[in-house]
PDB file of N, CA and C in Angstrom:
ATOM      1  N   MET A   1      58.005  60.606 -49.844  1.00  0.00           N
ATOM      2  CA  MET A   1      59.351  60.734 -49.350  1.00  0.00           C
ATOM      3  C   MET A   1      59.420  61.491 -48.016  1.00  0.00           C
ATOM      4  N   ARG A   2      58.305  61.876 -47.457  1.00  0.00           N
ATOM      5  CA  ARG A   2      58.312  62.564 -46.163  1.00  0.00           C
ATOM      6  C   ARG A   2      58.032  61.581 -45.046  1.00  0.00           C
ATOM      7  N   ILE A   3      58.610  61.852 -43.905  1.00  0.00           N
ATOM      8  CA  ILE A   3      58.284  61.082 -42.710  1.00  0.00           C
ATOM      9  C   ILE A   3      56.991  61.664 -42.160  1.00  0.00           C
ATOM     10  N   ARG A   4      55.964  60.863 -42.117  1.00  0.00           N
ATOM     11  CA  ARG A   4      54.657  61.315 -41.624  1.00  0.00           C
ATOM     12  C   ARG A   4      54.367  60.786 -40.224  1.00  0.00           C
ATOM     13  N   GLU A   5      54.912  59.619 -39.912  1.00  0.00           N
ATOM     14  CA  GLU A   5      54.679  59.023 -38.606  1.00  0.00           C
ATOM     15  C   GLU A   5      56.017  58.649 -37.987  1.00  0.00           C
ATOM     16  N   HIS A   6      56.112  58.871 -36.682  1.00  0.00           N
ATOM     17  CA  HIS A   6      57.340  58.580 -35.957  1.00  0.00           C
ATOM     18  C   HIS A   6      56.953  58.139 -34.550  1.00  0.00           C
ATOM     19  N   PRO A   7      57.654  57.180 -33.978  1.00  0.00           N
ATOM     20  CA  PRO A   7      57.253  56.701 -32.655  1.00  0.00           C
ATOM     21  C   PRO A   7      57.422  57.726 -31.525  1.00  0.00           C
ATOM     22  N   ILE A   8      58.285  58.716 -31.714  1.00  0.00           N
ATOM     23  CA  ILE A   8      58.538  59.696 -30.658  1.00  0.00           C
ATOM     24  C   ILE A   8      58.085  61.100 -31.050  1.00  0.00           C
ATOM     25  N   LEU A   9      58.369  61.501 -32.266  1.00  0.00           N
ATOM     26  CA  LEU A   9      58.075  62.862 -32.725  1.00  0.00           C
ATOM     27  C   LEU A   9      56.653  62.986 -33.244  1.00  0.00           C
ATOM     28  N   ARG A  10      56.116  64.177 -33.145  1.00  0.00           N
ATOM     29  CA  ARG A  10      54.798  64.503 -33.709  1.00  0.00           C
ATOM     30  C   ARG A  10      54.999  65.589 -34.751  1.00  0.00           C
ATOM     31  N   PHE A  11      54.315  65.462 -35.863  1.00  0.00           N
ATOM     32  CA  PHE A  11      54.440  66.435 -36.945  1.00  0.00           C
ATOM     33  C   PHE A  11      53.120  67.163 -37.120  1.00  0.00           C
ATOM     34  N   LYS A  12      53.193  68.490 -37.088  1.00  0.00           N
ATOM     35  CA  LYS A  12      52.001  69.301 -37.314  1.00  0.00           C
ATOM     36  C   LYS A  12      51.687  69.353 -38.800  1.00  0.00           C
ATOM     37  N   GLU A  13      50.423  69.475 -39.089  1.00  0.00           N
ATOM     38  CA  GLU A  13      49.975  69.654 -40.472  1.00  0.00           C
ATOM     39  C   GLU A  13      50.453  71.019 -40.965  1.00  0.00           C
ATOM     40  N   ARG A  14      51.044  71.061 -42.155  1.00  0.00           N
ATOM     41  CA  ARG A  14      51.521  72.332 -42.716  1.00  0.00           C
ATOM     42  C   ARG A  14      50.819  72.580 -44.052  1.00  0.00           C
ATOM     43  N   SER A  15      50.643  73.845 -44.392  1.00  0.00           N
ATOM     44  CA  SER A  15      49.946  74.173 -45.634  1.00  0.00           C
ATOM     45  C   SER A  15      50.796  73.811 -46.845  1.00  0.00           C
ATOM     46  N   LYS A  16      50.118  73.426 -47.927  1.00  0.00           N
ATOM     47  CA  LYS A  16      50.795  73.049 -49.164  1.00  0.00           C
ATOM     48  C   LYS A  16      51.132  74.288 -49.973  1.00  0.00           C
ATOM     49  N   ILE A  17      52.262  74.215 -50.673  1.00  0.00           N
ATOM     50  CA  ILE A  17      52.730  75.314 -51.513  1.00  0.00           C
ATOM     51  C   ILE A  17      53.006  74.757 -52.908  1.00  0.00           C
ATOM     52  N   ALA A  18      52.371  75.343 -53.926  1.00  0.00           N
ATOM     53  CA  ALA A  18      52.596  74.917 -55.309  1.00  0.00           C
ATOM     54  C   ALA A  18      53.775  75.695 -55.892  1.00  0.00           C
ATOM     55  N   PHE A  19      54.623  74.983 -56.645  1.00  0.00           N
ATOM     56  CA  PHE A  19      55.727  75.611 -57.368  1.00  0.00           C
ATOM     57  C   PHE A  19      55.976  74.810 -58.635  1.00  0.00           C
ATOM     58  N   THR A  20      56.764  75.367 -59.531  1.00  0.00           N
ATOM     59  CA  THR A  20      57.053  74.700 -60.803  1.00  0.00           C
ATOM     60  C   THR A  20      58.511  74.270 -60.829  1.00  0.00           C
ATOM     61  N   PHE A  21      58.749  73.020 -61.213  1.00  0.00           N
ATOM     62  CA  PHE A  21      60.101  72.506 -61.370  1.00  0.00           C
ATOM     63  C   PHE A  21      60.228  71.896 -62.760  1.00  0.00           C
ATOM     64  N   ASP A  22      61.098  72.472 -63.569  1.00  0.00           N
ATOM     65  CA  ASP A  22      61.323  72.000 -64.937  1.00  0.00           C
ATOM     66  C   ASP A  22      60.019  71.760 -65.691  1.00  0.00           C
ATOM     67  N   GLY A  23      59.088  72.699 -65.534  1.00  0.00           N
ATOM     68  CA  GLY A  23      57.831  72.646 -66.273  1.00  0.00           C
ATOM     69  C   GLY A  23      56.726  71.845 -65.610  1.00  0.00           C
ATOM     70  N   ARG A  24      56.998  71.188 -64.495  1.00  0.00           N
ATOM     71  CA  ARG A  24      55.983  70.395 -63.788  1.00  0.00           C
ATOM     72  C   ARG A  24      55.556  71.120 -62.529  1.00  0.00           C
ATOM     73  N   THR A  25      54.276  71.040 -62.210  1.00  0.00           N
ATOM     74  CA  THR A  25      53.786  71.604 -60.956  1.00  0.00           C
ATOM     75  C   THR A  25      53.990  70.579 -59.859  1.00  0.00           C
ATOM     76  N   LEU A  26      54.705  70.994 -58.824  1.00  0.00           N
ATOM     77  CA  LEU A  26      54.944  70.151 -57.653  1.00  0.00           C
ATOM     78  C   LEU A  26      54.439  70.890 -56.416  1.00  0.00           C
ATOM     79  N   TYR A  27      54.397  70.179 -55.298  1.00  0.00           N
ATOM     80  CA  TYR A  27      53.924  70.775 -54.054  1.00  0.00           C
ATOM     81  C   TYR A  27      54.916  70.522 -52.932  1.00  0.00           C
ATOM     82  N   GLY A  28      55.172  71.566 -52.180  1.00  0.00           N
ATOM     83  CA  GLY A  28      55.967  71.465 -50.967  1.00  0.00           C
ATOM     84  C   GLY A  28      55.086  71.844 -49.805  1.00  0.00           C
ATOM     85  N   GLU A  29      55.709  72.038 -48.658  1.00  0.00           N
ATOM     86  CA  GLU A  29      54.964  72.434 -47.480  1.00  0.00           C
ATOM     87  C   GLU A  29      55.594  73.682 -46.874  1.00  0.00           C
ATOM     88  N   ALA A  30      54.791  74.450 -46.178  1.00  0.00           N
ATOM     89  CA  ALA A  30      55.286  75.657 -45.511  1.00  0.00           C
ATOM     90  C   ALA A  30      56.465  75.283 -44.629  1.00  0.00           C
ATOM     91  N   GLY A  31      57.542  76.042 -44.739  1.00  0.00           N
ATOM     92  CA  GLY A  31      58.743  75.778 -43.969  1.00  0.00           C
ATOM     93  C   GLY A  31      59.798  74.983 -44.708  1.00  0.00           C
ATOM     94  N   ASP A  32      59.458  74.435 -45.876  1.00  0.00           N
ATOM     95  CA  ASP A  32      60.426  73.679 -46.685  1.00  0.00           C
ATOM     96  C   ASP A  32      61.436  74.610 -47.333  1.00  0.00           C
ATOM     97  N   THR A  33      62.640  74.107 -47.554  1.00  0.00           N
ATOM     98  CA  THR A  33      63.547  74.757 -48.490  1.00  0.00           C
ATOM     99  C   THR A  33      63.182  74.207 -49.861  1.00  0.00           C
ATOM    100  N   ILE A  34      63.711  74.844 -50.918  1.00  0.00           N
ATOM    101  CA  ILE A  34      63.433  74.352 -52.272  1.00  0.00           C
ATOM    102  C   ILE A  34      63.946  72.922 -52.415  1.00  0.00           C
ATOM    103  N   ALA A  35      65.193  72.681 -52.000  1.00  0.00           N
ATOM    104  CA  ALA A  35      65.781  71.341 -52.128  1.00  0.00           C
ATOM    105  C   ALA A  35      65.008  70.317 -51.299  1.00  0.00           C
ATOM    106  N   GLY A  36      64.547  70.706 -50.127  1.00  0.00           N
ATOM    107  CA  GLY A  36      63.758  69.806 -49.296  1.00  0.00           C
ATOM    108  C   GLY A  36      62.449  69.416 -49.959  1.00  0.00           C
ATOM    109  N   ALA A  37      61.791  70.388 -50.569  1.00  0.00           N
ATOM    110  CA  ALA A  37      60.538  70.107 -51.280  1.00  0.00           C
ATOM    111  C   ALA A  37      60.792  69.213 -52.492  1.00  0.00           C
ATOM    112  N   LEU A  38      61.887  69.468 -53.204  1.00  0.00           N
ATOM    113  CA  LEU A  38      62.214  68.617 -54.349  1.00  0.00           C
ATOM    114  C   LEU A  38      62.484  67.187 -53.896  1.00  0.00           C
ATOM    115  N   HIS A  39      63.250  67.030 -52.829  1.00  0.00           N
ATOM    116  CA  HIS A  39      63.553  65.702 -52.303  1.00  0.00           C
ATOM    117  C   HIS A  39      62.273  64.977 -51.883  1.00  0.00           C
ATOM    118  N   ALA A  40      61.361  65.699 -51.236  1.00  0.00           N
ATOM    119  CA  ALA A  40      60.092  65.104 -50.819  1.00  0.00           C
ATOM    120  C   ALA A  40      59.253  64.656 -52.014  1.00  0.00           C
ATOM    121  N   ASN A  41      59.494  65.276 -53.171  1.00  0.00           N
ATOM    122  CA  ASN A  41      58.790  64.901 -54.397  1.00  0.00           C
ATOM    123  C   ASN A  41      59.557  63.856 -55.206  1.00  0.00           C
ATOM    124  N   GLY A  42      60.632  63.322 -54.644  1.00  0.00           N
ATOM    125  CA  GLY A  42      61.384  62.262 -55.311  1.00  0.00           C
ATOM    126  C   GLY A  42      62.489  62.738 -56.224  1.00  0.00           C
ATOM    127  N   VAL A  43      62.745  64.045 -56.264  1.00  0.00           N
ATOM    128  CA  VAL A  43      63.822  64.588 -57.101  1.00  0.00           C
ATOM    129  C   VAL A  43      65.119  64.494 -56.304  1.00  0.00           C
ATOM    130  N   LYS A  44      66.008  63.621 -56.721  1.00  0.00           N
ATOM    131  CA  LYS A  44      67.258  63.424 -55.990  1.00  0.00           C
ATOM    132  C   LYS A  44      68.449  64.056 -56.696  1.00  0.00           C
ATOM    133  N   GLU A  45      68.341  64.287 -57.996  1.00  0.00           N
ATOM    134  CA  GLU A  45      69.424  64.919 -58.755  1.00  0.00           C
ATOM    135  C   GLU A  45      69.150  66.408 -58.855  1.00  0.00           C
ATOM    136  N   LEU A  46      70.009  67.206 -58.227  1.00  0.00           N
ATOM    137  CA  LEU A  46      69.814  68.651 -58.215  1.00  0.00           C
ATOM    138  C   LEU A  46      70.671  69.361 -59.258  1.00  0.00           C
ATOM    139  N   SER A  47      71.794  68.774 -59.617  1.00  0.00           N
ATOM    140  CA  SER A  47      72.673  69.373 -60.631  1.00  0.00           C
ATOM    141  C   SER A  47      73.590  68.294 -61.168  1.00  0.00           C
ATOM    142  N   ARG A  48      74.503  68.717 -62.047  1.00  0.00           N
ATOM    143  CA  ARG A  48      75.520  67.811 -62.589  1.00  0.00           C
ATOM    144  C   ARG A  48      76.869  68.496 -62.493  1.00  0.00           C
ATOM    145  N   SER A  49      77.914  67.694 -62.309  1.00  0.00           N
ATOM    146  CA  SER A  49      79.259  68.264 -62.222  1.00  0.00           C
ATOM    147  C   SER A  49      79.625  68.911 -63.547  1.00  0.00           C
ATOM    148  N   LEU A  50      80.448  69.954 -63.485  1.00  0.00           N
ATOM    149  CA  LEU A  50      80.754  70.739 -64.678  1.00  0.00           C
ATOM    150  C   LEU A  50      81.549  69.973 -65.718  1.00  0.00           C
ATOM    151  N   HIS A  51      82.514  69.182 -65.303  1.00  0.00           N
ATOM    152  CA  HIS A  51      83.405  68.564 -66.281  1.00  0.00           C
ATOM    153  C   HIS A  51      82.980  67.158 -66.691  1.00  0.00           C
ATOM    154  N   LEU A  52      82.613  66.318 -65.745  1.00  0.00           N
ATOM    155  CA  LEU A  52      82.251  64.935 -66.061  1.00  0.00           C
ATOM    156  C   LEU A  52      80.743  64.711 -66.125  1.00  0.00           C
ATOM    157  N   HIS A  53      79.970  65.738 -65.786  1.00  0.00           N
ATOM    158  CA  HIS A  53      78.500  65.703 -65.862  1.00  0.00           C
ATOM    159  C   HIS A  53      77.887  64.590 -65.009  1.00  0.00           C
ATOM    160  N   ARG A  54      78.518  64.315 -63.875  1.00  0.00           N
ATOM    161  CA  ARG A  54      77.975  63.325 -62.941  1.00  0.00           C
ATOM    162  C   ARG A  54      76.851  63.959 -62.128  1.00  0.00           C
ATOM    163  N   PRO A  55      75.822  63.181 -61.792  1.00  0.00           N
ATOM    164  CA  PRO A  55      74.715  63.738 -61.009  1.00  0.00           C
ATOM    165  C   PRO A  55      75.150  64.133 -59.604  1.00  0.00           C
ATOM    166  N   ARG A  56      74.567  65.232 -59.123  1.00  0.00           N
ATOM    167  CA  ARG A  56      74.814  65.713 -57.766  1.00  0.00           C
ATOM    168  C   ARG A  56      73.481  65.860 -57.052  1.00  0.00           C
ATOM    169  N   GLY A  57      73.471  65.519 -55.781  1.00  0.00           N
ATOM    170  CA  GLY A  57      72.254  65.640 -54.985  1.00  0.00           C
ATOM    171  C   GLY A  57      72.527  66.461 -53.743  1.00  0.00           C
ATOM    172  N   PHE A  58      71.671  66.290 -52.745  1.00  0.00           N
ATOM    173  CA  PHE A  58      71.869  66.939 -51.456  1.00  0.00           C
ATOM    174  C   PHE A  58      73.260  66.586 -50.942  1.00  0.00           C
ATOM    175  N   TYR A  59      74.051  67.556 -50.543  1.00  0.00           N
ATOM    176  CA  TYR A  59      75.369  67.247 -50.014  1.00  0.00           C
ATOM    177  C   TYR A  59      75.554  67.895 -48.652  1.00  0.00           C
ATOM    178  N   CYS A  60      75.808  69.200 -48.623  1.00  0.00           N
ATOM    179  CA  CYS A  60      76.108  69.832 -47.330  1.00  0.00           C
ATOM    180  C   CYS A  60      74.839  70.317 -46.621  1.00  0.00           C
ATOM    181  N   ALA A  61      73.844  70.732 -47.378  1.00  0.00           N
ATOM    182  CA  ALA A  61      72.571  71.228 -46.839  1.00  0.00           C
ATOM    183  C   ALA A  61      72.720  72.472 -45.959  1.00  0.00           C
ATOM    184  N   ILE A  62      73.853  73.195 -46.077  1.00  0.00           N
ATOM    185  CA  ILE A  62      74.036  74.443 -45.334  1.00  0.00           C
ATOM    186  C   ILE A  62      74.529  75.577 -46.235  1.00  0.00           C
ATOM    187  N   GLY A  63      74.509  75.362 -47.559  1.00  0.00           N
ATOM    188  CA  GLY A  63      74.851  76.423 -48.499  1.00  0.00           C
ATOM    189  C   GLY A  63      76.324  76.617 -48.784  1.00  0.00           C
ATOM    190  N   ASN A  64      77.183  75.680 -48.378  1.00  0.00           N
ATOM    191  CA  ASN A  64      78.624  75.835 -48.604  1.00  0.00           C
ATOM    192  C   ASN A  64      79.126  75.242 -49.911  1.00  0.00           C
ATOM    193  N   CYS A  65      78.440  74.272 -50.464  1.00  0.00           N
ATOM    194  CA  CYS A  65      78.914  73.642 -51.699  1.00  0.00           C
ATOM    195  C   CYS A  65      78.077  74.132 -52.877  1.00  0.00           C
ATOM    196  N   ALA A  66      78.330  73.619 -54.059  1.00  0.00           N
ATOM    197  CA  ALA A  66      77.594  74.040 -55.253  1.00  0.00           C
ATOM    198  C   ALA A  66      76.691  72.930 -55.787  1.00  0.00           C
ATOM    199  N   SER A  67      76.463  71.902 -54.994  1.00  0.00           N
ATOM    200  CA  SER A  67      75.701  70.746 -55.481  1.00  0.00           C
ATOM    201  C   SER A  67      74.222  71.024 -55.706  1.00  0.00           C
ATOM    202  N   CYS A  68      73.683  72.045 -55.089  1.00  0.00           N
ATOM    203  CA  CYS A  68      72.241  72.291 -55.196  1.00  0.00           C
ATOM    204  C   CYS A  68      71.905  73.545 -56.002  1.00  0.00           C
ATOM    205  N   HIS A  69      72.877  74.125 -56.685  1.00  0.00           N
ATOM    206  CA  HIS A  69      72.605  75.354 -57.440  1.00  0.00           C
ATOM    207  C   HIS A  69      71.582  75.089 -58.541  1.00  0.00           C
ATOM    208  N   MET A  70      70.584  75.962 -58.599  1.00  0.00           N
ATOM    209  CA  MET A  70      69.559  75.903 -59.638  1.00  0.00           C
ATOM    210  C   MET A  70      69.188  77.325 -60.022  1.00  0.00           C
ATOM    211  N   THR A  71      68.436  77.432 -61.107  1.00  0.00           N
ATOM    212  CA  THR A  71      67.907  78.723 -61.531  1.00  0.00           C
ATOM    213  C   THR A  71      66.516  78.864 -60.931  1.00  0.00           C
ATOM    214  N   VAL A  72      66.320  79.918 -60.142  1.00  0.00           N
ATOM    215  CA  VAL A  72      65.040  80.139 -59.453  1.00  0.00           C
ATOM    216  C   VAL A  72      64.513  81.509 -59.847  1.00  0.00           C
ATOM    217  N   ASP A  73      63.317  81.517 -60.421  1.00  0.00           N
ATOM    218  CA  ASP A  73      62.682  82.763 -60.877  1.00  0.00           C
ATOM    219  C   ASP A  73      63.637  83.578 -61.751  1.00  0.00           C
ATOM    220  N   GLY A  74      64.389  82.891 -62.614  1.00  0.00           N
ATOM    221  CA  GLY A  74      65.293  83.542 -63.562  1.00  0.00           C
ATOM    222  C   GLY A  74      66.663  83.883 -63.021  1.00  0.00           C
ATOM    223  N   GLU A  75      66.908  83.660 -61.744  1.00  0.00           N
ATOM    224  CA  GLU A  75      68.203  83.960 -61.138  1.00  0.00           C
ATOM    225  C   GLU A  75      69.021  82.672 -61.016  1.00  0.00           C
ATOM    226  N   ALA A  76      70.223  82.675 -61.613  1.00  0.00           N
ATOM    227  CA  ALA A  76      71.083  81.492 -61.598  1.00  0.00           C
ATOM    228  C   ALA A  76      71.831  81.381 -60.276  1.00  0.00           C
ATOM    229  N   ASN A  77      72.331  80.180 -60.013  1.00  0.00           N
ATOM    230  CA  ASN A  77      73.192  79.880 -58.866  1.00  0.00           C
ATOM    231  C   ASN A  77      72.531  80.117 -57.509  1.00  0.00           C
ATOM    232  N   VAL A  78      71.250  79.842 -57.430  1.00  0.00           N
ATOM    233  CA  VAL A  78      70.541  79.935 -56.157  1.00  0.00           C
ATOM    234  C   VAL A  78      70.818  78.655 -55.370  1.00  0.00           C
ATOM    235  N   ARG A  79      71.232  78.809 -54.117  1.00  0.00           N
ATOM    236  CA  ARG A  79      71.503  77.660 -53.248  1.00  0.00           C
ATOM    237  C   ARG A  79      70.165  77.159 -52.701  1.00  0.00           C
ATOM    238  N   THR A  80      69.634  76.137 -53.353  1.00  0.00           N
ATOM    239  CA  THR A  80      68.288  75.667 -53.028  1.00  0.00           C
ATOM    240  C   THR A  80      68.185  74.987 -51.675  1.00  0.00           C
ATOM    241  N   CYS A  81      69.319  74.572 -51.099  1.00  0.00           N
ATOM    242  CA  CYS A  81      69.264  73.895 -49.797  1.00  0.00           C
ATOM    243  C   CYS A  81      68.988  74.867 -48.657  1.00  0.00           C
ATOM    244  N   ILE A  82      69.199  76.169 -48.875  1.00  0.00           N
ATOM    245  CA  ILE A  82      68.958  77.145 -47.805  1.00  0.00           C
ATOM    246  C   ILE A  82      67.929  78.199 -48.196  1.00  0.00           C
ATOM    247  N   THR A  83      67.381  78.099 -49.397  1.00  0.00           N
ATOM    248  CA  THR A  83      66.402  79.074 -49.876  1.00  0.00           C
ATOM    249  C   THR A  83      64.987  78.587 -49.577  1.00  0.00           C
ATOM    250  N   PRO A  84      64.211  79.354 -48.795  1.00  0.00           N
ATOM    251  CA  PRO A  84      62.852  78.929 -48.471  1.00  0.00           C
ATOM    252  C   PRO A  84      61.959  78.856 -49.709  1.00  0.00           C
ATOM    253  N   LEU A  85      61.117  77.846 -49.735  1.00  0.00           N
ATOM    254  CA  LEU A  85      60.157  77.675 -50.815  1.00  0.00           C
ATOM    255  C   LEU A  85      59.053  78.723 -50.683  1.00  0.00           C
ATOM    256  N   LYS A  86      58.675  79.317 -51.809  1.00  0.00           N
ATOM    257  CA  LYS A  86      57.574  80.280 -51.839  1.00  0.00           C
ATOM    258  C   LYS A  86      56.595  79.873 -52.923  1.00  0.00           C
ATOM    259  N   ALA A  87      55.348  80.189 -52.724  1.00  0.00           N
ATOM    260  CA  ALA A  87      54.309  79.844 -53.686  1.00  0.00           C
ATOM    261  C   ALA A  87      54.605  80.470 -55.046  1.00  0.00           C
ATOM    262  N   GLY A  88      54.443  79.682 -56.093  1.00  0.00           N
ATOM    263  CA  GLY A  88      54.597  80.179 -57.453  1.00  0.00           C
ATOM    264  C   GLY A  88      56.021  80.234 -57.972  1.00  0.00           C
ATOM    265  N   MET A  89      56.999  79.816 -57.188  1.00  0.00           N
ATOM    266  CA  MET A  89      58.396  79.837 -57.655  1.00  0.00           C
ATOM    267  C   MET A  89      58.545  78.990 -58.907  1.00  0.00           C
ATOM    268  N   VAL A  90      59.425  79.443 -59.798  1.00  0.00           N
ATOM    269  CA  VAL A  90      59.764  78.674 -60.989  1.00  0.00           C
ATOM    270  C   VAL A  90      61.213  78.230 -60.823  1.00  0.00           C
ATOM    271  N   VAL A  91      61.395  76.941 -60.625  1.00  0.00           N
ATOM    272  CA  VAL A  91      62.706  76.354 -60.362  1.00  0.00           C
ATOM    273  C   VAL A  91      63.106  75.523 -61.571  1.00  0.00           C
ATOM    274  N   LYS A  92      64.332  75.733 -62.043  1.00  0.00           N
ATOM    275  CA  LYS A  92      64.820  74.993 -63.212  1.00  0.00           C
ATOM    276  C   LYS A  92      66.183  74.389 -62.931  1.00  0.00           C
ATOM    277  N   THR A  93      66.406  73.200 -63.477  1.00  0.00           N
ATOM    278  CA  THR A  93      67.719  72.597 -63.408  1.00  0.00           C
ATOM    279  C   THR A  93      68.674  73.501 -64.166  1.00  0.00           C
ATOM    280  N   GLN A  94      69.787  73.792 -63.544  1.00  0.00           N
ATOM    281  CA  GLN A  94      70.746  74.727 -64.130  1.00  0.00           C
ATOM    282  C   GLN A  94      71.755  73.988 -64.999  1.00  0.00           C
ATOM    283  N   GLN A  95      72.043  74.549 -66.148  1.00  0.00           N
ATOM    284  CA  GLN A  95      73.040  73.985 -67.046  1.00  0.00           C
ATOM    285  C   GLN A  95      74.361  74.711 -66.857  1.00  0.00           C
ATOM    286  N   GLY A  96      75.462  73.979 -66.745  1.00  0.00           N
ATOM    287  CA  GLY A  96      76.776  74.609 -66.591  1.00  0.00           C
ATOM    288  C   GLY A  96      76.845  75.469 -65.354  1.00  0.00           C
ATOM    289  N   LYS A  97      77.472  76.620 -65.470  1.00  0.00           N
ATOM    290  CA  LYS A  97      77.623  77.530 -64.337  1.00  0.00           C
ATOM    291  C   LYS A  97      76.461  78.510 -64.222  1.00  0.00           C
ATOM    292  N   GLY A  98      75.445  78.352 -65.082  1.00  0.00           N
ATOM    293  CA  GLY A  98      74.277  79.206 -65.013  1.00  0.00           C
ATOM    294  C   GLY A  98      74.418  80.519 -65.732  1.00  0.00           C
ATOM    295  N   ARG A  99      75.517  80.694 -66.432  1.00  0.00           N
ATOM    296  CA  ARG A  99      75.732  81.954 -67.157  1.00  0.00           C
ATOM    297  C   ARG A  99      74.945  81.933 -68.463  1.00  0.00           C
ATOM    298  N   VAL A 100      74.713  83.095 -69.006  1.00  0.00           N
ATOM    299  CA  VAL A 100      73.950  83.227 -70.246  1.00  0.00           C
ATOM    300  C   VAL A 100      74.611  82.460 -71.379  1.00  0.00           C
ATOM    301  N   ASP A 101      75.959  82.443 -71.433  1.00  0.00           N
ATOM    302  CA  ASP A 101      76.658  81.744 -72.502  1.00  0.00           C
ATOM    303  C   ASP A 101      76.675  80.224 -72.297  1.00  0.00           C
ATOM    304  N   GLY A 102      76.119  79.754 -71.166  1.00  0.00           N
ATOM    305  CA  GLY A 102      75.989  78.322 -70.922  1.00  0.00           C
ATOM    306  C   GLY A 102      77.201  77.656 -70.298  1.00  0.00           C
ATOM    307  N   TYR A 103      78.228  78.418 -69.956  1.00  0.00           N
ATOM    308  CA  TYR A 103      79.427  77.794 -69.383  1.00  0.00           C
ATOM    309  C   TYR A 103      79.702  78.230 -67.987  1.00  0.00           C
TER     310      TYR A 103
END
């Protein structure tokens, strides 16, 4: 899902970063946001709407909406579109509003 070749732009090789998403080990690259790394791995559904449970994906990509909220390293409501990926992160799909009571 990454653009590797382009007729005008050149892309430098970046180091790989391992992280866990919903129990699976995935790899991103240095400089990726969490959502960017997930998208590059084919993960397009980042959350679900609270009331109708419709899938949500990348939307604003600047941290203004709630479409990319996930639980990262045990912290709920992390805006994955603006949070840099770090080695060893544990990222989980968030249920509801991410509160302990599940709502």
